[in-house]
Amino acid sequence: MQEELPWKSPDDGELEKYADRTRRSLIARLHDWQDQRSWDEFYRTYWRLIFAVAKQAGLRDDEAWDTVQETVLTIAKQSRNGGYDPQKGSFKKWLWNITRWRIKDSLAKRPLETAPPRGDDSSPVPDITALPDLNAESFERVWEREWQRNLIKAATERVKMQVNPKQFQIFDYCVLRGMSTAEVRRKLGVSLAQVYLARHRIGSLLKKEIEQLTAENGAD
């Protein structure tokens, strides 16, 4: 059985910069489509999931970003013909299938792009059979793991836009980074009551957002 491929996320700030650049490029390509705001929100919710899985499939950074764009564009085009049909299965599975097709497209381009000049055998064409089997059970687990991580990340980003920056910082240090209450109070100069309030309020909002995202996806 194929082993899960390790992938270490780059610096989050750098990743966000490239994601925003890709988002602007994508929205420009959708300029004549209705409801750009919804596509923008869709991109912000799922780009990290698609990128992470593409990287673990063995794609280079540029290929992974292209996969993000092409996956969203495919979904946008399908939406004109009805798009996702919950009667045919879960949204999670549907998104996985489209992402997998776009990853395979990127992998299939490699032999032509990297073939050596005629008469030069110094740069062999990559063996496509050595690349990950995207149908393998182990890779389904990669998708499941990244799906859950992305769900939490996307919900967190939504909550971050709803609350006071100071409260979110307290929650970030205390819950997301695992710092002790004493450390958070000392570092941010806040009271015990402020820490408890931020943890309770933002924790409740985060739970609601995760439930909302799960309900929106109809995912199982």
N, C-alpha and C. Protein backbone atom coordinates (compact mmCIF):
# COMPACT_ATOMS: atom_id res chain seq x y z
N MET A 1 0.85 -1.20 0.00
CA MET A 1 0.00 0.00 0.00
C MET A 1 0.88 1.24 0.00
N GLN A 2 0.52 2.22 -0.78
CA GLN A 2 1.29 3.45 -0.87
C GLN A 2 1.29 4.22 0.45
N GLU A 3 2.47 4.73 0.84
CA GLU A 3 2.58 5.50 2.08
C GLU A 3 2.08 6.92 1.85
N GLU A 4 1.57 7.53 2.89
CA GLU A 4 1.14 8.93 2.79
C GLU A 4 2.36 9.81 2.56
N LEU A 5 2.21 10.77 1.69
CA LEU A 5 3.33 11.62 1.33
C LEU A 5 3.48 12.76 2.33
N PRO A 6 4.70 12.97 2.84
CA PRO A 6 4.90 14.07 3.78
C PRO A 6 4.88 15.40 3.04
N TRP A 7 4.29 16.41 3.66
CA TRP A 7 4.30 17.75 3.07
C TRP A 7 4.35 18.76 4.18
N LYS A 8 5.36 19.60 4.14
CA LYS A 8 5.51 20.62 5.16
C LYS A 8 5.06 21.95 4.58
N SER A 9 4.07 22.55 5.22
CA SER A 9 3.57 23.83 4.75
C SER A 9 4.63 24.91 4.90
N PRO A 10 4.81 25.76 3.86
CA PRO A 10 5.75 26.87 3.97
C PRO A 10 5.23 27.90 4.96
N ASP A 11 6.04 28.93 5.18
CA ASP A 11 5.63 30.01 6.07
C ASP A 11 4.24 30.49 5.69
N ASP A 12 3.36 30.59 6.69
CA ASP A 12 1.95 30.89 6.43
C ASP A 12 1.78 32.26 5.77
N GLY A 13 2.61 33.22 6.16
CA GLY A 13 2.52 34.55 5.55
C GLY A 13 2.84 34.52 4.07
N GLU A 14 3.89 33.78 3.70
CA GLU A 14 4.26 33.66 2.30
C GLU A 14 3.16 32.94 1.52
N LEU A 15 2.61 31.91 2.12
CA LEU A 15 1.54 31.14 1.48
C LEU A 15 0.33 32.04 1.22
N GLU A 16 -0.01 32.87 2.18
CA GLU A 16 -1.15 33.77 2.03
C GLU A 16 -0.92 34.78 0.90
N LYS A 17 0.33 35.26 0.73
CA LYS A 17 0.63 36.21 -0.33
C LYS A 17 0.42 35.58 -1.70
N TYR A 18 0.92 34.36 -1.87
CA TYR A 18 0.74 33.67 -3.14
C TYR A 18 -0.73 33.35 -3.37
N ALA A 19 -1.44 32.99 -2.29
CA ALA A 19 -2.86 32.67 -2.41
C ALA A 19 -3.65 33.89 -2.87
N ASP A 20 -3.31 35.07 -2.33
CA ASP A 20 -4.02 36.28 -2.71
C ASP A 20 -3.75 36.64 -4.16
N ARG A 21 -2.50 36.43 -4.60
CA ARG A 21 -2.15 36.69 -6.00
C ARG A 21 -2.92 35.76 -6.93
N THR A 22 -3.00 34.49 -6.55
CA THR A 22 -3.75 33.52 -7.34
C THR A 22 -5.23 33.86 -7.36
N ARG A 23 -5.75 34.32 -6.21
CA ARG A 23 -7.16 34.70 -6.11
C ARG A 23 -7.48 35.84 -7.07
N ARG A 24 -6.63 36.88 -7.10
CA ARG A 24 -6.87 38.02 -7.99
C ARG A 24 -6.85 37.60 -9.45
N SER A 25 -5.91 36.73 -9.78
CA SER A 25 -5.81 36.23 -11.15
C SER A 25 -7.05 35.43 -11.52
N LEU A 26 -7.51 34.61 -10.58
CA LEU A 26 -8.68 33.77 -10.84
C LEU A 26 -9.93 34.62 -11.02
N ILE A 27 -10.13 35.58 -10.14
CA ILE A 27 -11.33 36.43 -10.22
C ILE A 27 -11.31 37.23 -11.53
N ALA A 28 -10.12 37.62 -11.98
CA ALA A 28 -10.01 38.33 -13.26
C ALA A 28 -10.47 37.43 -14.41
N ARG A 29 -10.16 36.13 -14.30
CA ARG A 29 -10.58 35.19 -15.34
C ARG A 29 -12.08 34.91 -15.27
N LEU A 30 -12.69 35.24 -14.14
CA LEU A 30 -14.14 35.05 -13.98
C LEU A 30 -14.89 36.38 -14.08
N HIS A 31 -14.26 37.36 -14.74
CA HIS A 31 -14.82 38.72 -14.74
C HIS A 31 -16.21 38.81 -15.35
N ASP A 32 -16.53 37.91 -16.26
CA ASP A 32 -17.84 37.99 -16.90
C ASP A 32 -18.85 37.02 -16.30
N TRP A 33 -18.51 36.48 -15.13
CA TRP A 33 -19.40 35.54 -14.46
C TRP A 33 -20.22 36.27 -13.41
N GLN A 34 -21.40 35.76 -13.15
CA GLN A 34 -22.24 36.37 -12.13
C GLN A 34 -21.75 36.00 -10.75
N ASP A 35 -22.03 36.86 -9.78
CA ASP A 35 -21.76 36.59 -8.37
C ASP A 35 -20.29 36.29 -8.09
N GLN A 36 -19.41 37.21 -8.47
CA GLN A 36 -17.98 37.03 -8.21
C GLN A 36 -17.71 36.91 -6.71
N ARG A 37 -18.53 37.58 -5.91
CA ARG A 37 -18.31 37.55 -4.47
C ARG A 37 -18.41 36.12 -3.93
N SER A 38 -19.36 35.34 -4.44
CA SER A 38 -19.50 33.96 -4.00
C SER A 38 -18.30 33.11 -4.42
N TRP A 39 -17.78 33.37 -5.64
CA TRP A 39 -16.61 32.62 -6.09
C TRP A 39 -15.39 33.01 -5.27
N ASP A 40 -15.32 34.28 -4.90
CA ASP A 40 -14.21 34.74 -4.06
C ASP A 40 -14.25 34.03 -2.70
N GLU A 41 -15.44 33.90 -2.14
CA GLU A 41 -15.60 33.22 -0.86
C GLU A 41 -15.29 31.73 -0.99
N PHE A 42 -15.71 31.13 -2.11
CA PHE A 42 -15.43 29.72 -2.35
C PHE A 42 -13.91 29.50 -2.41
N TYR A 43 -13.24 30.38 -3.13
CA TYR A 43 -11.78 30.28 -3.22
C TYR A 43 -11.12 30.39 -1.85
N ARG A 44 -11.53 31.39 -1.08
CA ARG A 44 -10.94 31.60 0.24
C ARG A 44 -11.17 30.40 1.16
N THR A 45 -12.28 29.69 0.95
CA THR A 45 -12.60 28.55 1.80
C THR A 45 -11.81 27.31 1.42
N TYR A 46 -11.52 27.12 0.12
CA TYR A 46 -10.98 25.82 -0.30
C TYR A 46 -9.58 25.84 -0.94
N TRP A 47 -8.99 27.04 -1.15
CA TRP A 47 -7.70 27.04 -1.83
C TRP A 47 -6.65 26.25 -1.07
N ARG A 48 -6.65 26.37 0.26
CA ARG A 48 -5.62 25.72 1.07
C ARG A 48 -5.73 24.19 0.97
N LEU A 49 -6.95 23.69 0.96
CA LEU A 49 -7.17 22.25 0.82
C LEU A 49 -6.63 21.75 -0.51
N ILE A 50 -7.01 22.41 -1.60
CA ILE A 50 -6.59 21.97 -2.93
C ILE A 50 -5.08 22.07 -3.08
N PHE A 51 -4.50 23.16 -2.61
CA PHE A 51 -3.05 23.35 -2.71
C PHE A 51 -2.29 22.28 -1.92
N ALA A 52 -2.73 22.02 -0.69
CA ALA A 52 -2.04 21.05 0.15
C ALA A 52 -2.06 19.65 -0.46
N VAL A 53 -3.22 19.25 -0.98
CA VAL A 53 -3.33 17.92 -1.58
C VAL A 53 -2.52 17.83 -2.87
N ALA A 54 -2.53 18.91 -3.66
CA ALA A 54 -1.73 18.93 -4.90
C ALA A 54 -0.25 18.78 -4.59
N LYS A 55 0.22 19.45 -3.55
CA LYS A 55 1.63 19.33 -3.15
C LYS A 55 1.95 17.91 -2.72
N GLN A 56 1.05 17.29 -1.98
CA GLN A 56 1.29 15.93 -1.51
C GLN A 56 1.18 14.90 -2.64
N ALA A 57 0.59 15.32 -3.75
CA ALA A 57 0.56 14.46 -4.93
C ALA A 57 1.85 14.56 -5.73
N GLY A 58 2.75 15.45 -5.29
CA GLY A 58 4.04 15.56 -5.95
C GLY A 58 4.18 16.74 -6.89
N LEU A 59 3.22 17.66 -6.91
CA LEU A 59 3.31 18.81 -7.80
C LEU A 59 4.26 19.86 -7.24
N ARG A 60 4.89 20.60 -8.15
CA ARG A 60 5.70 21.75 -7.76
C ARG A 60 4.76 22.87 -7.32
N ASP A 61 5.31 23.91 -6.69
CA ASP A 61 4.47 25.02 -6.23
C ASP A 61 3.67 25.64 -7.37
N ASP A 62 4.34 25.90 -8.51
CA ASP A 62 3.63 26.54 -9.62
C ASP A 62 2.52 25.63 -10.16
N GLU A 63 2.79 24.33 -10.21
CA GLU A 63 1.77 23.38 -10.66
C GLU A 63 0.60 23.32 -9.68
N ALA A 64 0.92 23.39 -8.39
CA ALA A 64 -0.13 23.33 -7.37
C ALA A 64 -1.03 24.56 -7.44
N TRP A 65 -0.44 25.75 -7.65
CA TRP A 65 -1.25 26.96 -7.77
C TRP A 65 -2.11 26.90 -9.02
N ASP A 66 -1.55 26.36 -10.12
CA ASP A 66 -2.36 26.19 -11.34
C ASP A 66 -3.52 25.24 -11.08
N THR A 67 -3.26 24.20 -10.30
CA THR A 67 -4.31 23.24 -9.97
C THR A 67 -5.42 23.90 -9.17
N VAL A 68 -5.06 24.79 -8.26
CA VAL A 68 -6.07 25.53 -7.49
C VAL A 68 -6.98 26.31 -8.44
N GLN A 69 -6.34 27.06 -9.36
CA GLN A 69 -7.13 27.87 -10.30
C GLN A 69 -7.99 26.98 -11.19
N GLU A 70 -7.40 25.95 -11.76
CA GLU A 70 -8.13 25.11 -12.71
C GLU A 70 -9.27 24.35 -12.04
N THR A 71 -9.08 23.98 -10.78
CA THR A 71 -10.15 23.29 -10.05
C THR A 71 -11.34 24.21 -9.85
N VAL A 72 -11.07 25.44 -9.41
CA VAL A 72 -12.16 26.40 -9.19
C VAL A 72 -12.83 26.77 -10.51
N LEU A 73 -12.04 26.93 -11.58
CA LEU A 73 -12.61 27.25 -12.88
C LEU A 73 -13.50 26.11 -13.40
N THR A 74 -13.06 24.87 -13.17
CA THR A 74 -13.88 23.72 -13.57
C THR A 74 -15.21 23.72 -12.85
N ILE A 75 -15.17 24.01 -11.54
CA ILE A 75 -16.39 24.05 -10.75
C ILE A 75 -17.30 25.19 -11.22
N ALA A 76 -16.69 26.34 -11.54
CA ALA A 76 -17.47 27.48 -12.03
C ALA A 76 -18.17 27.13 -13.34
N LYS A 77 -17.44 26.45 -14.24
CA LYS A 77 -18.03 26.07 -15.52
C LYS A 77 -19.15 25.05 -15.33
N GLN A 78 -18.92 24.11 -14.42
CA GLN A 78 -19.95 23.10 -14.16
C GLN A 78 -21.20 23.73 -13.54
N SER A 79 -21.00 24.84 -12.82
CA SER A 79 -22.14 25.48 -12.16
C SER A 79 -23.17 25.99 -13.16
N ARG A 80 -22.70 26.25 -14.38
CA ARG A 80 -23.63 26.71 -15.42
C ARG A 80 -24.57 25.59 -15.86
N ASN A 81 -24.16 24.37 -15.56
CA ASN A 81 -24.99 23.22 -15.91
C ASN A 81 -25.56 22.53 -14.67
N GLY A 82 -25.67 23.31 -13.61
CA GLY A 82 -26.26 22.76 -12.39
C GLY A 82 -25.25 22.51 -11.29
N GLY A 83 -23.98 22.23 -11.67
CA GLY A 83 -22.93 22.03 -10.66
C GLY A 83 -23.14 20.81 -9.80
N TYR A 84 -22.80 20.94 -8.54
CA TYR A 84 -22.88 19.83 -7.59
C TYR A 84 -24.32 19.38 -7.36
N ASP A 85 -24.52 18.08 -7.46
CA ASP A 85 -25.84 17.49 -7.23
C ASP A 85 -25.78 16.61 -5.99
N PRO A 86 -26.36 17.06 -4.86
CA PRO A 86 -26.29 16.28 -3.61
C PRO A 86 -26.92 14.90 -3.72
N GLN A 87 -27.76 14.69 -4.73
CA GLN A 87 -28.38 13.38 -4.90
C GLN A 87 -27.37 12.33 -5.38
N LYS A 88 -26.24 12.81 -5.92
CA LYS A 88 -25.23 11.90 -6.47
C LYS A 88 -24.06 11.64 -5.51
N GLY A 89 -24.12 12.22 -4.32
CA GLY A 89 -23.03 12.00 -3.37
C GLY A 89 -22.67 13.26 -2.61
N SER A 90 -21.69 13.14 -1.73
CA SER A 90 -21.30 14.27 -0.88
C SER A 90 -20.51 15.31 -1.65
N PHE A 91 -20.58 16.56 -1.18
CA PHE A 91 -19.80 17.64 -1.76
C PHE A 91 -18.31 17.33 -1.64
N LYS A 92 -17.91 16.77 -0.51
CA LYS A 92 -16.49 16.47 -0.27
C LYS A 92 -15.94 15.53 -1.34
N LYS A 93 -16.71 14.50 -1.68
CA LYS A 93 -16.30 13.54 -2.69
C LYS A 93 -16.28 14.18 -4.07
N TRP A 94 -17.27 15.02 -4.33
CA TRP A 94 -17.35 15.71 -5.62
C TRP A 94 -16.14 16.63 -5.82
N LEU A 95 -15.81 17.39 -4.78
CA LEU A 95 -14.65 18.29 -4.87
C LEU A 95 -13.37 17.49 -5.01
N TRP A 96 -13.27 16.36 -4.32
CA TRP A 96 -12.09 15.51 -4.43
C TRP A 96 -11.91 15.01 -5.86
N ASN A 97 -12.99 14.58 -6.49
CA ASN A 97 -12.90 14.07 -7.86
C ASN A 97 -12.42 15.14 -8.83
N ILE A 98 -12.94 16.36 -8.71
CA ILE A 98 -12.51 17.43 -9.60
C ILE A 98 -11.05 17.79 -9.34
N THR A 99 -10.68 17.88 -8.06
CA THR A 99 -9.29 18.19 -7.72
C THR A 99 -8.36 17.11 -8.27
N ARG A 100 -8.75 15.86 -8.14
CA ARG A 100 -7.93 14.73 -8.61
C ARG A 100 -7.75 14.80 -10.13
N TRP A 101 -8.80 15.14 -10.85
CA TRP A 101 -8.67 15.25 -12.31
C TRP A 101 -7.69 16.35 -12.70
N ARG A 102 -7.77 17.47 -12.00
CA ARG A 102 -6.87 18.59 -12.33
C ARG A 102 -5.42 18.25 -11.95
N ILE A 103 -5.22 17.52 -10.85
CA ILE A 103 -3.87 17.08 -10.48
C ILE A 103 -3.32 16.14 -11.55
N LYS A 104 -4.15 15.22 -12.00
CA LYS A 104 -3.72 14.28 -13.03
C LYS A 104 -3.38 15.01 -14.33
N ASP A 105 -4.13 16.06 -14.65
CA ASP A 105 -3.82 16.87 -15.83
C ASP A 105 -2.41 17.45 -15.73
N SER A 106 -2.08 17.97 -14.54
CA SER A 106 -0.75 18.56 -14.33
C SER A 106 0.34 17.50 -14.45
N LEU A 107 0.11 16.34 -13.86
CA LEU A 107 1.10 15.27 -13.93
C LEU A 107 1.28 14.77 -15.36
N ALA A 108 0.18 14.72 -16.10
CA ALA A 108 0.24 14.21 -17.47
C ALA A 108 1.03 15.13 -18.40
N LYS A 109 1.11 16.42 -18.07
CA LYS A 109 1.85 17.38 -18.90
C LYS A 109 3.36 17.24 -18.75
N ARG A 110 3.81 16.65 -17.69
CA ARG A 110 5.24 16.65 -17.38
C ARG A 110 6.13 15.99 -18.42
N PRO A 111 5.80 14.80 -18.94
CA PRO A 111 6.71 14.18 -19.91
C PRO A 111 6.98 15.07 -21.12
N LEU A 112 5.95 15.78 -21.62
CA LEU A 112 6.15 16.66 -22.76
C LEU A 112 6.98 17.87 -22.40
N GLU A 113 6.77 18.39 -21.21
CA GLU A 113 7.48 19.60 -20.79
C GLU A 113 8.94 19.33 -20.47
N THR A 114 9.24 18.12 -19.95
CA THR A 114 10.59 17.85 -19.47
C THR A 114 11.35 16.89 -20.37
N ALA A 115 10.78 16.54 -21.55
CA ALA A 115 11.47 15.62 -22.45
C ALA A 115 12.78 16.24 -22.91
N PRO A 116 13.92 15.44 -22.97
CA PRO A 116 15.21 15.97 -23.39
C PRO A 116 15.24 16.28 -24.88
N PRO A 117 16.10 17.20 -25.32
CA PRO A 117 16.23 17.47 -26.75
C PRO A 117 16.62 16.21 -27.49
N ARG A 118 16.30 16.16 -28.79
CA ARG A 118 16.60 14.98 -29.59
C ARG A 118 18.09 14.68 -29.57
N GLY A 119 18.47 13.44 -29.28
CA GLY A 119 19.87 13.05 -29.25
C GLY A 119 20.53 13.28 -27.91
N ASP A 120 19.82 13.85 -26.94
CA ASP A 120 20.38 14.11 -25.62
C ASP A 120 19.66 13.26 -24.59
N ASP A 121 20.36 12.29 -24.01
CA ASP A 121 19.76 11.38 -23.02
C ASP A 121 20.13 11.74 -21.59
N SER A 122 20.66 12.95 -21.39
CA SER A 122 21.14 13.32 -20.06
C SER A 122 20.01 13.66 -19.11
N SER A 123 18.82 14.00 -19.63
CA SER A 123 17.69 14.38 -18.78
C SER A 123 16.50 13.48 -19.10
N PRO A 124 16.44 12.30 -18.49
CA PRO A 124 15.38 11.34 -18.82
C PRO A 124 14.00 11.87 -18.47
N VAL A 125 13.02 11.44 -19.25
CA VAL A 125 11.64 11.80 -18.98
C VAL A 125 11.19 11.13 -17.69
N PRO A 126 10.51 11.86 -16.78
CA PRO A 126 10.06 11.26 -15.53
C PRO A 126 9.17 10.04 -15.79
N ASP A 127 9.30 9.06 -14.94
CA ASP A 127 8.48 7.85 -15.04
C ASP A 127 7.13 8.13 -14.41
N ILE A 128 6.10 8.26 -15.26
CA ILE A 128 4.77 8.62 -14.75
C ILE A 128 4.23 7.54 -13.82
N THR A 129 4.69 6.31 -13.97
CA THR A 129 4.19 5.21 -13.12
C THR A 129 4.73 5.31 -11.70
N ALA A 130 5.79 6.11 -11.51
CA ALA A 130 6.36 6.26 -10.17
C ALA A 130 5.66 7.35 -9.37
N LEU A 131 4.77 8.08 -10.01
CA LEU A 131 4.05 9.15 -9.33
C LEU A 131 2.90 8.58 -8.49
N PRO A 132 2.40 9.35 -7.54
CA PRO A 132 1.37 8.84 -6.63
C PRO A 132 0.13 8.32 -7.35
N ASP A 133 -0.43 7.24 -6.83
CA ASP A 133 -1.70 6.72 -7.33
C ASP A 133 -2.81 7.45 -6.59
N LEU A 134 -3.47 8.38 -7.30
CA LEU A 134 -4.47 9.21 -6.64
C LEU A 134 -5.74 8.44 -6.31
N ASN A 135 -5.83 7.20 -6.78
CA ASN A 135 -6.99 6.38 -6.45
C ASN A 135 -6.74 5.52 -5.22
N ALA A 136 -5.49 5.50 -4.75
CA ALA A 136 -5.13 4.61 -3.66
C ALA A 136 -5.84 4.99 -2.36
N GLU A 137 -6.08 3.97 -1.54
CA GLU A 137 -6.76 4.20 -0.26
C GLU A 137 -5.99 5.17 0.62
N SER A 138 -4.65 5.07 0.58
CA SER A 138 -3.83 5.95 1.42
C SER A 138 -4.00 7.41 1.01
N PHE A 139 -4.20 7.66 -0.31
CA PHE A 139 -4.36 9.03 -0.73
C PHE A 139 -5.74 9.57 -0.40
N GLU A 140 -6.71 8.69 -0.30
CA GLU A 140 -8.03 9.10 0.20
C GLU A 140 -7.89 9.59 1.64
N ARG A 141 -7.00 8.97 2.40
CA ARG A 141 -6.77 9.40 3.78
C ARG A 141 -6.10 10.77 3.81
N VAL A 142 -5.21 11.03 2.85
CA VAL A 142 -4.59 12.36 2.75
C VAL A 142 -5.67 13.41 2.55
N TRP A 143 -6.61 13.13 1.63
CA TRP A 143 -7.71 14.08 1.37
C TRP A 143 -8.54 14.30 2.62
N GLU A 144 -8.86 13.21 3.33
CA GLU A 144 -9.68 13.32 4.54
C GLU A 144 -8.97 14.15 5.59
N ARG A 145 -7.68 13.88 5.79
CA ARG A 145 -6.93 14.64 6.79
C ARG A 145 -6.87 16.12 6.45
N GLU A 146 -6.56 16.44 5.18
CA GLU A 146 -6.46 17.84 4.78
C GLU A 146 -7.83 18.51 4.77
N TRP A 147 -8.89 17.74 4.50
CA TRP A 147 -10.24 18.28 4.55
C TRP A 147 -10.55 18.78 5.96
N GLN A 148 -10.25 17.96 6.95
CA GLN A 148 -10.53 18.34 8.34
C GLN A 148 -9.69 19.54 8.76
N ARG A 149 -8.43 19.56 8.38
CA ARG A 149 -7.56 20.70 8.70
C ARG A 149 -8.09 21.98 8.06
N ASN A 150 -8.50 21.87 6.80
CA ASN A 150 -8.99 23.03 6.08
C ASN A 150 -10.29 23.54 6.66
N LEU A 151 -11.15 22.62 7.11
CA LEU A 151 -12.43 23.00 7.70
C LEU A 151 -12.20 23.91 8.91
N ILE A 152 -11.27 23.50 9.76
CA ILE A 152 -10.96 24.29 10.95
C ILE A 152 -10.32 25.62 10.58
N LYS A 153 -9.39 25.58 9.62
CA LYS A 153 -8.71 26.80 9.19
C LYS A 153 -9.68 27.79 8.57
N ALA A 154 -10.55 27.29 7.69
CA ALA A 154 -11.53 28.17 7.02
C ALA A 154 -12.50 28.78 8.03
N ALA A 155 -12.94 27.97 8.98
CA ALA A 155 -13.86 28.46 10.02
C ALA A 155 -13.16 29.52 10.87
N THR A 156 -11.90 29.27 11.19
CA THR A 156 -11.12 30.22 12.00
C THR A 156 -10.98 31.56 11.29
N GLU A 157 -10.71 31.51 9.98
CA GLU A 157 -10.57 32.74 9.20
C GLU A 157 -11.87 33.53 9.18
N ARG A 158 -12.99 32.82 9.08
CA ARG A 158 -14.29 33.50 9.09
C ARG A 158 -14.55 34.19 10.44
N VAL A 159 -14.23 33.48 11.51
CA VAL A 159 -14.43 34.03 12.85
C VAL A 159 -13.53 35.25 13.05
N LYS A 160 -12.31 35.16 12.57
CA LYS A 160 -11.34 36.25 12.74
C LYS A 160 -11.87 37.56 12.20
N MET A 161 -12.68 37.50 11.12
CA MET A 161 -13.22 38.71 10.51
C MET A 161 -14.43 39.26 11.27
N GLN A 162 -14.95 38.47 12.24
CA GLN A 162 -16.16 38.87 12.95
C GLN A 162 -15.89 39.49 14.32
N VAL A 163 -14.70 39.28 14.85
CA VAL A 163 -14.45 39.66 16.25
C VAL A 163 -13.39 40.74 16.39
N ASN A 164 -13.31 41.29 17.58
CA ASN A 164 -12.30 42.28 17.91
C ASN A 164 -10.90 41.66 17.78
N PRO A 165 -9.96 42.33 17.10
CA PRO A 165 -8.62 41.77 16.90
C PRO A 165 -7.93 41.35 18.20
N LYS A 166 -8.13 42.13 19.26
CA LYS A 166 -7.50 41.81 20.54
C LYS A 166 -8.06 40.51 21.10
N GLN A 167 -9.38 40.32 21.00
CA GLN A 167 -9.98 39.09 21.48
C GLN A 167 -9.48 37.89 20.69
N PHE A 168 -9.35 38.07 19.38
CA PHE A 168 -8.87 36.95 18.57
C PHE A 168 -7.42 36.63 18.93
N GLN A 169 -6.62 37.64 19.19
CA GLN A 169 -5.22 37.41 19.57
C GLN A 169 -5.14 36.61 20.86
N ILE A 170 -5.99 36.93 21.82
CA ILE A 170 -6.03 36.18 23.07
C ILE A 170 -6.38 34.72 22.79
N PHE A 171 -7.40 34.50 21.96
CA PHE A 171 -7.82 33.14 21.61
C PHE A 171 -6.71 32.41 20.87
N ASP A 172 -6.07 33.09 19.95
CA ASP A 172 -4.98 32.51 19.17
C ASP A 172 -3.86 32.02 20.08
N TYR A 173 -3.42 32.88 20.99
CA TYR A 173 -2.32 32.51 21.89
C TYR A 173 -2.74 31.39 22.85
N CYS A 174 -3.93 31.52 23.38
CA CYS A 174 -4.36 30.60 24.43
C CYS A 174 -4.80 29.24 23.89
N VAL A 175 -5.53 29.24 22.79
CA VAL A 175 -6.12 28.00 22.28
C VAL A 175 -5.34 27.45 21.09
N LEU A 176 -5.12 28.27 20.08
CA LEU A 176 -4.47 27.77 18.86
C LEU A 176 -2.99 27.50 19.05
N ARG A 177 -2.32 28.33 19.87
CA ARG A 177 -0.89 28.13 20.11
C ARG A 177 -0.60 27.37 21.41
N GLY A 178 -1.64 27.18 22.22
CA GLY A 178 -1.48 26.37 23.43
C GLY A 178 -0.72 27.03 24.56
N MET A 179 -0.68 28.34 24.61
CA MET A 179 0.01 29.03 25.70
C MET A 179 -0.85 28.98 26.96
N SER A 180 -0.20 29.02 28.11
CA SER A 180 -0.94 28.99 29.37
C SER A 180 -1.63 30.34 29.59
N THR A 181 -2.66 30.33 30.45
CA THR A 181 -3.39 31.56 30.76
C THR A 181 -2.44 32.61 31.34
N ALA A 182 -1.53 32.17 32.20
CA ALA A 182 -0.57 33.10 32.81
C ALA A 182 0.33 33.73 31.75
N GLU A 183 0.78 32.92 30.78
CA GLU A 183 1.64 33.45 29.72
C GLU A 183 0.89 34.47 28.87
N VAL A 184 -0.36 34.17 28.54
CA VAL A 184 -1.16 35.07 27.72
C VAL A 184 -1.39 36.39 28.45
N ARG A 185 -1.72 36.32 29.74
CA ARG A 185 -1.95 37.54 30.51
C ARG A 185 -0.69 38.40 30.57
N ARG A 186 0.44 37.73 30.78
CA ARG A 186 1.71 38.46 30.87
C ARG A 186 2.11 39.07 29.53
N LYS A 187 1.95 38.31 28.46
CA LYS A 187 2.39 38.76 27.14
C LYS A 187 1.50 39.88 26.59
N LEU A 188 0.19 39.77 26.81
CA LEU A 188 -0.74 40.74 26.22
C LEU A 188 -1.24 41.79 27.21
N GLY A 189 -0.91 41.62 28.49
CA GLY A 189 -1.34 42.59 29.49
C GLY A 189 -2.84 42.63 29.66
N VAL A 190 -3.47 41.46 29.70
CA VAL A 190 -4.93 41.38 29.84
C VAL A 190 -5.29 40.70 31.15
N SER A 191 -6.55 40.84 31.55
CA SER A 191 -7.02 40.25 32.79
C SER A 191 -7.45 38.81 32.59
N LEU A 192 -7.63 38.10 33.69
CA LEU A 192 -8.12 36.73 33.64
C LEU A 192 -9.51 36.68 33.01
N ALA A 193 -10.35 37.67 33.35
CA ALA A 193 -11.71 37.73 32.81
C ALA A 193 -11.69 37.89 31.30
N GLN A 194 -10.76 38.70 30.78
CA GLN A 194 -10.66 38.90 29.34
C GLN A 194 -10.27 37.60 28.63
N VAL A 195 -9.37 36.85 29.25
CA VAL A 195 -8.94 35.57 28.66
C VAL A 195 -10.12 34.61 28.60
N TYR A 196 -10.84 34.47 29.70
CA TYR A 196 -11.98 33.55 29.75
C TYR A 196 -13.07 33.97 28.77
N LEU A 197 -13.31 35.29 28.66
CA LEU A 197 -14.34 35.79 27.75
C LEU A 197 -13.98 35.48 26.30
N ALA A 198 -12.73 35.75 25.93
CA ALA A 198 -12.28 35.50 24.55
C ALA A 198 -12.36 34.01 24.22
N ARG A 199 -11.92 33.17 25.15
CA ARG A 199 -11.96 31.73 24.91
C ARG A 199 -13.39 31.25 24.72
N HIS A 200 -14.29 31.72 25.57
CA HIS A 200 -15.66 31.26 25.49
C HIS A 200 -16.37 31.79 24.24
N ARG A 201 -16.25 33.10 24.00
CA ARG A 201 -16.97 33.72 22.89
C ARG A 201 -16.47 33.20 21.55
N ILE A 202 -15.15 33.22 21.35
CA ILE A 202 -14.61 32.82 20.05
C ILE A 202 -14.72 31.31 19.87
N GLY A 203 -14.58 30.57 20.95
CA GLY A 203 -14.76 29.12 20.87
C GLY A 203 -16.16 28.76 20.40
N SER A 204 -17.16 29.48 20.91
CA SER A 204 -18.55 29.24 20.50
C SER A 204 -18.77 29.61 19.04
N LEU A 205 -18.20 30.76 18.62
CA LEU A 205 -18.33 31.18 17.22
C LEU A 205 -17.65 30.19 16.29
N LEU A 206 -16.49 29.69 16.70
CA LEU A 206 -15.76 28.74 15.87
C LEU A 206 -16.55 27.45 15.69
N LYS A 207 -17.15 26.98 16.76
CA LYS A 207 -17.98 25.77 16.68
C LYS A 207 -19.13 25.97 15.71
N LYS A 208 -19.78 27.14 15.78
CA LYS A 208 -20.91 27.43 14.89
C LYS A 208 -20.46 27.49 13.43
N GLU A 209 -19.30 28.10 13.19
CA GLU A 209 -18.80 28.20 11.81
C GLU A 209 -18.45 26.83 11.25
N ILE A 210 -17.86 25.97 12.07
CA ILE A 210 -17.54 24.61 11.61
C ILE A 210 -18.82 23.87 11.27
N GLU A 211 -19.84 24.02 12.12
CA GLU A 211 -21.13 23.38 11.85
C GLU A 211 -21.76 23.94 10.59
N GLN A 212 -21.63 25.26 10.38
CA GLN A 212 -22.19 25.90 9.20
C GLN A 212 -21.51 25.41 7.94
N LEU A 213 -20.19 25.34 7.97
CA LEU A 213 -19.43 24.87 6.80
C LEU A 213 -19.79 23.41 6.49
N THR A 214 -19.91 22.61 7.52
CA THR A 214 -20.27 21.20 7.34
C THR A 214 -21.65 21.09 6.72
N ALA A 215 -22.59 21.91 7.21
CA ALA A 215 -23.97 21.89 6.68
C ALA A 215 -24.00 22.38 5.23
N GLU A 216 -23.21 23.42 4.92
CA GLU A 216 -23.17 23.96 3.56
C GLU A 216 -22.67 22.91 2.58
N ASN A 217 -21.68 22.13 3.03
CA ASN A 217 -21.06 21.14 2.15
C ASN A 217 -21.90 19.90 2.00
N GLY A 218 -22.75 19.64 2.97
CA GLY A 218 -23.47 18.38 2.95
C GLY A 218 -22.48 17.24 2.99
N ALA A 219 -21.32 17.51 3.61
CA ALA A 219 -20.21 16.56 3.56
C ALA A 219 -20.32 15.52 4.64
N ASP A 220 -19.85 14.36 4.29
CA ASP A 220 -19.90 13.23 5.22
C ASP A 220 -18.51 12.66 5.36
